[in-house]
Protein backbone atom coordinates (compact mmCIF):
# COMPACT_ATOMS: atom_id res chain seq x y z
CA MET A 1 0.00 0.00 0.00
CA SER A 2 1.42 3.40 -0.95
CA ASP A 3 2.05 6.34 1.37
CA VAL A 4 -0.26 9.37 1.23
CA PHE A 5 1.27 12.85 1.22
CA LEU A 6 -0.62 15.38 3.35
CA ASP A 7 -0.46 18.91 1.98
CA THR A 8 -1.27 22.20 3.69
CA VAL A 9 -4.70 22.73 2.16
CA GLY A 10 -5.87 19.24 3.09
CA LEU A 11 -4.60 19.40 6.66
CA ILE A 12 -6.15 22.81 7.27
CA ALA A 13 -9.44 21.58 5.80
CA VAL A 14 -9.41 18.66 8.27
CA TRP A 15 -8.62 20.89 11.27
CA ASP A 16 -10.82 23.88 10.42
CA ASN A 17 -14.50 23.01 10.59
CA THR A 18 -15.33 26.33 8.89
CA ASP A 19 -13.27 25.44 5.79
CA GLN A 20 -15.36 24.85 2.66
CA TRP A 21 -13.64 21.47 2.14
CA HIS A 22 -13.83 20.32 5.79
CA GLU A 23 -16.43 17.59 5.38
CA ALA A 24 -14.79 16.02 2.33
CA ALA A 25 -11.27 16.31 3.79
CA ASN A 26 -12.33 14.90 7.16
CA ALA A 27 -14.08 11.95 5.48
CA ALA A 28 -11.00 11.23 3.35
CA TYR A 29 -8.69 11.50 6.37
CA ARG A 30 -10.81 9.06 8.40
CA ARG A 31 -11.01 6.66 5.46
CA LEU A 32 -7.21 6.68 5.08
CA LEU A 33 -6.75 6.02 8.80
CA ALA A 34 -9.28 3.17 8.68
CA GLN A 35 -7.35 1.65 5.77
CA GLY A 36 -4.15 1.80 7.80
CA ARG A 37 -2.46 4.05 5.24
CA ARG A 38 0.81 5.72 6.18
CA LEU A 39 0.38 9.51 6.15
CA VAL A 40 3.47 11.62 5.46
CA THR A 41 4.28 15.31 5.13
CA ILE A 42 7.24 17.69 5.33
CA ASN A 43 8.38 20.44 7.72
CA LEU A 44 7.28 23.28 5.44
CA VAL A 45 3.72 21.94 5.32
CA LEU A 46 3.64 21.85 9.12
CA CYS A 47 4.99 25.40 9.24
CA GLU A 48 2.35 26.59 6.81
CA CYS A 49 -0.32 24.96 8.99
CA GLY A 50 1.18 26.60 12.08
CA ASN A 51 1.23 29.96 10.35
CA GLU A 52 -2.38 29.57 9.26
CA SER A 53 -3.35 28.71 12.83
CA ALA A 54 -1.59 31.84 14.08
CA PHE A 55 -3.23 33.98 11.39
CA PHE A 56 -6.63 32.50 12.28
CA LEU A 57 -6.16 33.45 15.93
CA ALA A 58 -4.83 36.88 14.98
CA ARG A 59 -7.90 37.52 12.84
CA LEU A 60 -10.11 36.54 15.79
CA ILE A 61 -8.50 39.21 17.97
CA GLY A 62 -8.22 41.78 15.18
CA ARG A 63 -4.47 41.65 14.49
CA SER A 64 -4.43 40.79 10.79
CA SER A 65 -0.74 41.70 10.33
CA ALA A 66 0.57 39.13 12.83
CA ARG A 67 3.28 36.76 11.59
CA GLY A 68 2.97 33.04 12.00
CA PRO A 69 5.29 31.10 14.33
CA CYS A 70 7.38 29.60 11.53
CA SER A 71 8.02 32.77 9.54
CA ALA A 72 11.56 33.27 10.85
CA TRP A 73 12.42 29.58 10.44
CA VAL A 74 11.22 29.55 6.82
CA ARG A 75 13.03 32.80 5.98
CA GLY A 76 16.24 31.36 7.45
CA ARG A 77 15.94 28.18 5.40
CA LEU A 78 15.17 30.08 2.19
CA ARG A 79 18.25 32.30 2.66
CA GLY A 80 20.38 29.16 2.60
CA LEU A 81 19.11 28.07 -0.85
């Protein structure tokens, strides 16, 4: 059985019940788990999800210009390319 790559959009759709794709993403995620599939991702996807979570919270409190928690980490990695 092949691995399944989890991308940012899919993970956010699973976590965010207000996302337009939440129901479909959540159903797919549960189906993959039930099938015993191995789910994989990369650090940058997790950082994007962390940033989106921070932006979501910032929007709730009215601070739309807040930076996500991984912004400095990503900038540092990109400088090294």
